Amino acid sequence: MSNAIPWSRSRIFRDESKLDVDYVPKSLPHREDQIKLLRDYFKPFIANPGSIFVKVILLGDVGSGKTVVAKKFGLSVNGLKTKGGALIKFSYVNCHAHRSFFSILQKIGRDLGLSVPRRGYSREELLYMLWSHLKGANEYLIVTIDEADFLAKGGESDTLYNLSRLTEVVGDVVHRIGVIFVFRELELTLDRSIWSTLQHNLIRFYPYTCQQLVEILWLRITEEGAIYENAVSDEVIDMIGELVGHDKGGRGDARLAIELLHRAGKYAEGEGREEILPEDVRRAYSDIIPLPKDSLVNLRLEEKLLLLALTRLLQRKKFVSKIPIGLLEMEYQEVCEEYGVPPKRHTTVWEYVRKLSGMGVITAERSGRGQRGRTTLVGLSVIPLQTLEKELIKMLREDLKRGGNVRE
């Protein structure tokens, strides 16, 4: 009898690697301007190798596209032959893993195909070794120094200074290396001497909006083939976009949006389903960014009853992430009757919805065109429904035992 594990084809993922944090996609929507700027800055370095030392800074929050733009540009120029016959090479170094000048030079050396010893060389000797290789092979290098904040904050400001003046350090008149520095912050982490050498050629990256993230996620599905198209709905993708989009109060972090989709897909796959549901997204989000329990404990009794009504409705309507407020009020009245609590009027319920939305516990927005009439759609995106229902029932019992915990 065979002991082989019976691996079965995923019904969710077509190519899971396309959701990996290090994957560089075919296209980068909403970052075309940054790519063009990067190409323009390095145009003289590539057109006339050795004539200029190019230093470019990519600046922006986590997940704003800095790293993937740098890698995309690097892939496009790596192996490029110039008119004079020189070869352009590309190296990528993450300072979270390489936090000293010597370690950075080692990584660059390996990317150039050199056998770099771990010990026995000073950093100056290693730099000259790299420079001699580039000179002898008629090669020029563009290197990305990612997470450069770690150097500034980790007491390696000298490393940043040396990287920003490589040609001077070597003492050559031929500029064989160009550098892309990737920062999350800048002015707060750099002293003036380094800032003065890096402040030119700055490319800013801004957080993604909800709609931009929706487009990015759909491209990973349709163009890259990460997930089967019939395994995910507009409802799920829109839900992630609204959770993460900067214009909706989220981080605007594309990495987070992709991770949410990936985790939600793993939950669906683990349960043997063929489709990702809104509840999978809730579970994924609560894994990454759990809601503090105090946010629920300190709610009014009626607010907890309203939340309980919402969780029950969404569990029955498992393929949608939002419901009309009219349906919620009807369910709320039934829950109040179940617990023997007089329900509040519409205006008070609306105030509860506004408060819970402002706290980030629920979402509430006006319905769009194409729907009959205009109403408020209410959703819950940050907590798994079953988990929340159990917690609310427990809290409600305790509140009622203490006399309702009703505060006016």
Protein backbone atom coordinates (compact mmCIF):
# COMPACT_ATOMS: atom_id res chain seq x y z
CA MET A 1 0.00 0.00 0.00
CA SER A 2 1.38 3.41 -0.99
CA ASN A 3 2.15 5.98 1.71
CA ALA A 4 2.03 8.87 -0.77
CA ILE A 5 -0.04 11.88 0.26
CA PRO A 6 -3.02 12.22 -2.11
CA TRP A 7 -2.47 15.82 -3.21
CA SER A 8 -5.51 17.15 -5.02
CA ARG A 9 -5.72 20.13 -7.34
CA SER A 10 -6.85 23.30 -5.60
CA ARG A 11 -10.31 24.52 -6.53
CA ILE A 12 -9.40 28.05 -5.43
CA PHE A 13 -5.82 28.71 -6.53
CA ARG A 14 -4.65 28.38 -10.12
CA ASP A 15 -1.11 29.63 -9.34
CA GLU A 16 -0.65 30.54 -5.68
CA SER A 17 2.87 31.88 -6.27
CA LYS A 18 1.31 34.92 -8.00
CA LEU A 19 0.15 36.10 -4.57
CA ASP A 20 3.62 35.86 -3.02
CA VAL A 21 4.96 39.09 -1.52
CA ASP A 22 8.10 38.88 -3.71
CA TYR A 23 6.27 38.25 -6.98
CA VAL A 24 6.68 40.93 -9.66
CA PRO A 25 3.50 41.11 -11.80
CA LYS A 26 3.31 41.77 -15.53
CA SER A 27 1.75 45.19 -15.08
CA LEU A 28 1.76 47.76 -12.27
CA PRO A 29 -1.42 49.82 -12.50
CA HIS A 30 -1.32 53.28 -10.92
CA ARG A 31 2.47 53.24 -10.72
CA GLU A 32 3.19 54.05 -14.38
CA ASP A 33 4.31 57.60 -13.52
CA GLN A 34 6.82 56.36 -10.94
CA ILE A 35 8.28 53.80 -13.38
CA LYS A 36 8.61 56.47 -16.06
CA LEU A 37 10.39 58.82 -13.65
CA LEU A 38 12.79 56.07 -12.62
CA ARG A 39 13.62 55.33 -16.26
CA ASP A 40 14.12 59.01 -16.99
CA TYR A 41 16.52 59.43 -14.06
CA PHE A 42 18.64 56.45 -15.19
CA LYS A 43 18.52 57.27 -18.90
CA PRO A 44 21.93 59.04 -18.93
CA PHE A 45 23.50 56.22 -16.88
CA ILE A 46 22.37 53.65 -19.47
CA ALA A 47 22.83 55.79 -22.60
CA ASN A 48 26.35 56.85 -21.64
CA PRO A 49 27.67 54.39 -18.99
CA GLY A 50 30.21 55.79 -16.57
CA SER A 51 29.36 59.42 -17.23
CA ILE A 52 27.18 60.07 -14.18
CA PHE A 53 26.53 58.68 -10.70
CA VAL A 54 22.73 58.39 -10.45
CA LYS A 55 21.06 58.19 -7.04
CA VAL A 56 17.28 57.94 -6.79
CA ILE A 57 15.08 57.75 -3.69
CA LEU A 58 11.73 55.93 -3.66
CA LEU A 59 9.72 57.19 -0.69
CA GLY A 60 6.37 55.92 0.63
CA ASP A 61 4.50 53.86 3.21
CA VAL A 62 4.49 50.06 3.40
CA GLY A 63 2.63 48.49 0.49
CA SER A 64 2.65 51.62 -1.68
CA GLY A 65 4.55 49.90 -4.52
CA LYS A 66 8.14 51.07 -3.98
CA THR A 67 9.82 47.67 -3.94
CA VAL A 68 7.87 46.19 -6.83
CA VAL A 69 8.56 49.27 -8.98
CA ALA A 70 12.29 49.02 -8.23
CA LYS A 71 12.30 45.29 -9.06
CA LYS A 72 10.23 45.80 -12.21
CA PHE A 73 12.67 48.44 -13.41
CA GLY A 74 15.62 46.21 -12.47
CA LEU A 75 14.26 43.28 -14.47
CA SER A 76 13.80 45.53 -17.50
CA VAL A 77 17.43 46.70 -17.51
CA ASN A 78 19.24 43.59 -16.23
CA GLY A 79 21.29 42.12 -19.08
CA LEU A 80 20.76 45.17 -21.29
CA LYS A 81 23.61 45.87 -23.72
CA THR A 82 24.45 49.50 -24.39
CA LYS A 83 25.51 50.95 -27.74
CA GLY A 84 29.14 50.81 -26.65
CA GLY A 85 28.87 47.10 -25.81
CA ALA A 86 28.73 47.49 -22.03
CA LEU A 87 26.39 45.26 -20.01
CA ILE A 88 23.93 46.63 -17.43
CA LYS A 89 23.42 44.41 -14.37
CA PHE A 90 20.92 44.72 -11.51
CA SER A 91 21.20 43.80 -7.83
CA TYR A 92 18.58 43.92 -5.09
CA VAL A 93 19.51 44.19 -1.40
CA ASN A 94 17.06 44.29 1.50
CA CYS A 95 18.58 45.98 4.53
CA HIS A 96 16.29 44.12 6.88
CA ALA A 97 18.51 41.11 6.12
CA HIS A 98 21.75 42.96 5.25
CA ARG A 99 22.38 45.68 7.80
CA SER A 100 26.08 46.45 7.34
CA PHE A 101 28.20 47.78 4.47
CA PHE A 102 30.11 44.48 4.30
CA SER A 103 26.93 42.37 4.17
CA ILE A 104 25.47 44.61 1.47
CA LEU A 105 28.64 44.28 -0.63
CA GLN A 106 28.55 40.49 -0.19
CA LYS A 107 24.99 40.36 -1.52
CA ILE A 108 25.90 42.54 -4.49
CA GLY A 109 28.87 40.31 -5.22
CA ARG A 110 26.71 37.18 -5.24
CA ASP A 111 24.22 38.89 -7.58
CA LEU A 112 27.13 39.60 -9.93
CA GLY A 113 28.05 35.92 -9.89
CA LEU A 114 31.19 36.33 -7.81
CA SER A 115 32.40 33.87 -5.22
CA VAL A 116 32.50 36.16 -2.20
CA PRO A 117 34.14 34.76 0.94
CA ARG A 118 32.38 35.31 4.26
CA ARG A 119 35.62 36.28 5.99
CA GLY A 120 39.14 37.34 5.18
CA TYR A 121 38.33 40.62 3.42
CA SER A 122 37.84 44.10 4.76
CA ARG A 123 34.89 46.02 3.39
CA GLU A 124 37.27 48.28 1.44
CA GLU A 125 38.94 45.24 -0.17
CA LEU A 126 35.54 43.78 -1.03
CA LEU A 127 34.40 47.05 -2.62
CA TYR A 128 37.55 47.20 -4.76
CA MET A 129 37.01 43.56 -5.71
CA LEU A 130 33.50 44.38 -6.99
CA TRP A 131 34.73 47.49 -8.77
CA SER A 132 37.55 45.56 -10.47
CA HIS A 133 35.10 42.91 -11.64
CA LEU A 134 32.79 45.52 -13.18
CA LYS A 135 35.73 47.24 -14.87
CA GLY A 136 37.23 44.02 -16.23
CA ALA A 137 33.88 42.67 -17.50
CA ASN A 138 32.81 46.06 -18.95
CA GLU A 139 29.71 45.97 -16.76
CA TYR A 140 27.73 48.66 -14.98
CA LEU A 141 25.49 48.03 -12.02
CA ILE A 142 22.19 49.44 -10.79
CA VAL A 143 21.56 48.36 -7.19
CA THR A 144 18.41 48.77 -5.10
CA ILE A 145 18.99 49.34 -1.39
CA ASP A 146 15.56 48.47 0.03
CA GLU A 147 14.38 49.16 3.61
CA ALA A 148 17.20 51.70 3.89
CA ASP A 149 15.53 53.02 7.05
CA PHE A 150 17.13 50.09 8.91
CA LEU A 151 20.58 51.51 8.16
CA ALA A 152 19.69 54.97 9.43
CA LYS A 153 17.97 53.69 12.57
CA GLY A 154 20.43 50.87 13.25
CA GLY A 155 23.52 53.01 13.67
CA GLU A 156 24.75 52.37 10.11
CA SER A 157 24.50 55.94 8.85
CA ASP A 158 28.12 55.64 7.64
CA THR A 159 26.98 52.84 5.35
CA LEU A 160 24.32 55.09 3.82
CA TYR A 161 26.88 57.84 3.44
CA ASN A 162 29.36 55.53 1.69
CA LEU A 163 26.67 54.11 -0.60
CA SER A 164 25.65 57.62 -1.59
CA ARG A 165 29.28 58.46 -2.53
CA LEU A 166 30.57 55.16 -3.95
CA THR A 167 32.62 56.64 -6.77
CA GLU A 168 34.40 59.01 -4.37
CA VAL A 169 35.08 56.15 -1.94
CA VAL A 170 36.70 54.08 -4.70
CA GLY A 171 38.50 57.08 -6.18
CA ASP A 172 37.47 56.38 -9.79
CA VAL A 173 36.32 58.93 -12.36
CA VAL A 174 34.13 56.31 -14.07
CA HIS A 175 30.77 55.87 -12.37
CA ARG A 176 30.14 52.13 -12.53
CA ILE A 177 27.27 51.91 -10.05
CA GLY A 178 23.91 53.69 -9.78
CA VAL A 179 21.80 53.36 -6.63
CA ILE A 180 18.07 53.25 -5.88
CA PHE A 181 17.37 53.88 -2.19
CA VAL A 182 13.97 52.78 -0.85
CA PHE A 183 12.73 54.55 2.29
CA ARG A 184 9.53 54.60 4.32
CA GLU A 185 10.59 57.83 6.03
CA LEU A 186 13.33 60.22 5.13
CA GLU A 187 13.73 63.55 6.87
CA LEU A 188 13.29 61.98 10.32
CA THR A 189 15.87 59.23 9.78
CA LEU A 190 18.73 60.97 7.97
CA ASP A 191 21.26 63.47 9.23
CA ARG A 192 21.94 66.54 7.12
CA SER A 193 25.19 65.31 5.56
CA ILE A 194 23.46 62.26 4.06
CA TRP A 195 20.24 64.10 3.25
CA SER A 196 22.17 66.64 1.21
CA THR A 197 23.54 63.88 -1.04
CA LEU A 198 20.22 62.06 -1.46
CA GLN A 199 17.56 64.79 -1.63
CA HIS A 200 17.62 65.04 -5.42
CA ASN A 201 15.76 62.60 -7.70
CA LEU A 202 13.02 61.83 -5.19
CA ILE A 203 10.01 59.74 -6.31
CA ARG A 204 7.03 59.70 -3.94
CA PHE A 205 4.55 56.84 -3.58
CA TYR A 206 1.10 57.46 -2.11
CA PRO A 207 -1.27 54.93 -0.48
CA TYR A 208 -3.67 53.13 -2.80
CA THR A 209 -7.38 53.97 -2.90
CA CYS A 210 -10.15 51.39 -2.66
CA GLN A 211 -10.75 51.35 -6.42
CA GLN A 212 -7.04 51.08 -7.20
CA LEU A 213 -6.71 48.06 -4.90
CA VAL A 214 -9.76 46.43 -6.49
CA GLU A 215 -8.10 46.79 -9.90
CA ILE A 216 -4.79 45.41 -8.60
CA LEU A 217 -6.50 42.36 -7.10
CA TRP A 218 -8.51 41.62 -10.24
CA LEU A 219 -5.34 41.82 -12.34
CA ARG A 220 -3.71 39.20 -10.08
CA ILE A 221 -6.72 37.00 -10.79
CA THR A 222 -7.43 37.62 -14.48
CA GLU A 223 -4.04 38.60 -15.93
CA GLU A 224 -1.74 36.66 -13.61
CA GLY A 225 -4.02 33.67 -13.02
CA ALA A 226 -3.49 33.49 -9.25
CA ILE A 227 -7.07 32.38 -8.50
CA TYR A 228 -9.80 30.81 -10.60
CA GLU A 229 -12.16 33.58 -11.64
CA ASN A 230 -15.25 31.61 -10.64
CA ALA A 231 -13.77 31.16 -7.14
CA VAL A 232 -14.05 34.82 -6.20
CA SER A 233 -16.79 37.42 -6.56
CA ASP A 234 -16.95 41.19 -6.97
CA GLU A 235 -18.43 41.24 -3.47
CA VAL A 236 -15.27 39.73 -1.94
CA ILE A 237 -12.82 41.90 -3.91
CA ASP A 238 -14.81 45.07 -3.19
CA MET A 239 -14.88 44.12 0.48
CA ILE A 240 -11.08 43.88 0.62
CA GLY A 241 -10.73 47.16 -1.25
CA GLU A 242 -12.99 48.92 1.26
CA LEU A 243 -11.12 47.43 4.22
CA VAL A 244 -7.70 48.52 2.98
CA GLY A 245 -8.33 51.51 0.68
CA HIS A 246 -6.84 54.74 2.01
CA ASP A 247 -9.92 56.73 0.98
CA LYS A 248 -12.05 54.38 3.12
CA GLY A 249 -9.93 54.83 6.23
CA GLY A 250 -7.59 51.88 5.56
CA ARG A 251 -3.84 51.74 5.15
CA GLY A 252 -3.78 51.86 1.35
CA ASP A 253 -1.39 48.91 1.53
CA ALA A 254 -1.42 46.66 -1.55
CA ARG A 255 0.59 43.98 0.29
CA LEU A 256 -2.11 43.79 2.95
CA ALA A 257 -4.87 43.57 0.32
CA ILE A 258 -3.09 40.73 -1.47
CA GLU A 259 -2.40 38.94 1.80
CA LEU A 260 -6.08 39.19 2.76
CA LEU A 261 -7.10 37.63 -0.55
CA HIS A 262 -4.50 34.88 -0.14
CA ARG A 263 -5.50 34.04 3.44
CA ALA A 264 -9.19 34.13 2.60
CA GLY A 265 -8.49 31.73 -0.27
CA LYS A 266 -6.64 29.37 2.07
CA TYR A 267 -9.62 29.29 4.42
CA ALA A 268 -11.97 28.45 1.56
CA GLU A 269 -9.55 25.83 0.24
CA GLY A 270 -9.12 24.30 3.70
CA GLU A 271 -12.88 23.78 3.96
CA GLY A 272 -13.02 22.17 0.53
CA ARG A 273 -15.13 24.95 -1.00
CA GLU A 274 -15.00 26.24 -4.57
CA GLU A 275 -15.59 29.90 -3.71
CA ILE A 276 -14.17 32.48 -1.33
CA LEU A 277 -16.88 34.00 0.88
CA PRO A 278 -17.03 37.35 2.75
CA GLU A 279 -16.66 35.39 5.99
CA ASP A 280 -13.26 34.14 4.79
CA VAL A 281 -12.17 37.77 4.43
CA ARG A 282 -13.40 38.57 7.95
CA ARG A 283 -11.39 35.68 9.36
CA ALA A 284 -8.29 36.73 7.42
CA TYR A 285 -8.57 40.36 8.53
CA SER A 286 -9.07 39.47 12.20
CA ASP A 287 -5.93 37.30 12.01
CA ILE A 288 -3.83 40.22 10.83
CA ILE A 289 -5.51 43.16 12.60
CA PRO A 290 -7.61 41.91 15.53
CA LEU A 291 -10.25 44.25 16.91
CA PRO A 292 -9.57 45.13 20.59
CA LYS A 293 -12.09 43.42 22.87
CA ASP A 294 -12.64 46.73 24.70
CA SER A 295 -14.33 48.04 21.55
CA LEU A 296 -17.16 45.59 22.18
CA VAL A 297 -17.22 45.48 25.99
CA ASN A 298 -17.87 49.21 26.30
CA LEU A 299 -20.81 49.29 23.88
CA ARG A 300 -24.38 49.99 25.05
CA LEU A 301 -26.72 47.06 25.48
CA GLU A 302 -28.79 48.11 22.45
CA GLU A 303 -25.65 48.49 20.31
CA LYS A 304 -24.67 44.94 21.15
CA LEU A 305 -28.19 43.77 20.23
CA LEU A 306 -27.90 45.59 16.91
CA LEU A 307 -24.53 43.96 16.25
CA LEU A 308 -25.97 40.56 17.08
CA ALA A 309 -28.79 41.15 14.60
CA LEU A 310 -26.24 42.09 11.95
CA THR A 311 -24.11 38.98 12.53
CA ARG A 312 -27.14 36.71 12.23
CA LEU A 313 -28.38 38.35 9.04
CA LEU A 314 -24.95 38.16 7.39
CA GLN A 315 -24.59 34.51 8.35
CA ARG A 316 -27.88 33.71 6.63
CA LYS A 317 -26.88 35.76 3.58
CA LYS A 318 -23.37 34.34 3.36
CA PHE A 319 -22.66 35.46 -0.21
CA VAL A 320 -23.12 39.17 0.50
CA SER A 321 -21.09 41.50 2.70
CA LYS A 322 -23.70 44.26 3.23
CA ILE A 323 -27.42 44.43 3.87
CA PRO A 324 -30.00 47.26 3.70
CA ILE A 325 -30.58 49.02 7.01
CA GLY A 326 -34.30 48.26 6.75
CA LEU A 327 -33.64 44.52 6.96
CA LEU A 328 -31.25 45.11 9.84
CA GLU A 329 -33.89 47.03 11.80
CA MET A 330 -36.38 44.19 11.36
CA GLU A 331 -33.82 41.66 12.61
CA TYR A 332 -32.87 43.99 15.46
CA GLN A 333 -36.49 44.15 16.61
CA GLU A 334 -36.66 40.34 16.67
CA VAL A 335 -33.43 40.12 18.67
CA CYS A 336 -34.74 42.72 21.15
CA GLU A 337 -37.91 40.65 21.58
CA GLU A 338 -35.79 37.54 22.15
CA TYR A 339 -33.89 39.26 24.98
CA GLY A 340 -36.89 41.12 26.39
CA VAL A 341 -35.50 44.58 25.63
CA PRO A 342 -37.70 47.32 24.10
CA PRO A 343 -36.30 48.20 20.64
CA LYS A 344 -35.23 51.76 19.89
CA ARG A 345 -36.78 53.88 17.17
CA HIS A 346 -35.33 54.33 13.68
CA THR A 347 -33.47 57.58 14.44
CA THR A 348 -31.73 56.03 17.46
CA VAL A 349 -30.84 52.89 15.49
CA TRP A 350 -29.36 55.13 12.80
CA GLU A 351 -27.24 56.87 15.46
CA TYR A 352 -25.99 53.47 16.66
CA VAL A 353 -25.03 52.59 13.09
CA ARG A 354 -23.13 55.86 12.69
CA LYS A 355 -21.27 55.34 15.97
CA LEU A 356 -20.29 51.73 15.21
CA SER A 357 -19.18 52.77 11.75
CA GLY A 358 -17.05 55.57 13.18
CA MET A 359 -15.40 53.05 15.53
CA GLY A 360 -14.53 50.81 12.58
CA VAL A 361 -16.64 47.93 13.93
CA ILE A 362 -19.09 48.00 11.00
CA THR A 363 -19.31 49.68 7.60
CA ALA A 364 -22.20 51.88 6.48
CA GLU A 365 -22.62 53.58 3.13
CA ARG A 366 -25.31 54.75 0.77
CA SER A 367 -26.32 52.26 -1.92
CA GLY A 368 -25.18 53.03 -5.44
CA ARG A 369 -27.03 53.47 -8.65
CA GLY A 370 -28.71 50.49 -10.21
CA GLN A 371 -30.44 49.50 -6.99
CA ARG A 372 -34.10 50.18 -6.37
CA GLY A 373 -34.29 53.29 -4.23
CA ARG A 374 -31.47 54.64 -2.12
CA THR A 375 -30.74 53.15 1.28
CA THR A 376 -27.88 52.63 3.70
CA LEU A 377 -26.01 49.36 3.31
CA VAL A 378 -24.51 48.00 6.51
CA GLY A 379 -21.70 45.45 6.66
CA LEU A 380 -19.27 43.87 9.07
CA SER A 381 -15.79 43.13 7.81
CA VAL A 382 -13.34 42.92 10.68
CA ILE A 383 -14.54 40.00 12.84
CA PRO A 384 -15.61 36.43 11.93
CA LEU A 385 -19.38 36.26 12.35
CA GLN A 386 -19.58 33.10 14.46
CA THR A 387 -16.86 34.34 16.78
CA LEU A 388 -18.59 37.69 17.17
CA GLU A 389 -22.02 36.10 17.73
CA LYS A 390 -20.69 33.91 20.57
CA GLU A 391 -18.91 36.85 22.18
CA LEU A 392 -21.97 39.09 21.94
CA ILE A 393 -24.31 36.46 23.43
CA LYS A 394 -21.92 36.04 26.36
CA MET A 395 -21.70 39.82 26.90
CA LEU A 396 -25.46 40.29 26.62
CA ARG A 397 -26.13 37.67 29.27
CA GLU A 398 -23.66 39.37 31.61
CA ASP A 399 -25.14 42.82 30.90
CA LEU A 400 -28.70 41.69 31.54
CA LYS A 401 -27.65 39.88 34.70
CA ARG A 402 -26.17 43.21 35.96
CA GLY A 403 -29.36 45.07 35.09
CA GLY A 404 -28.84 45.97 31.44
CA ASN A 405 -25.75 48.17 31.57
CA VAL A 406 -27.87 50.83 29.83
CA ARG A 407 -26.23 54.23 29.88
CA GLU A 408 -28.07 57.37 28.86
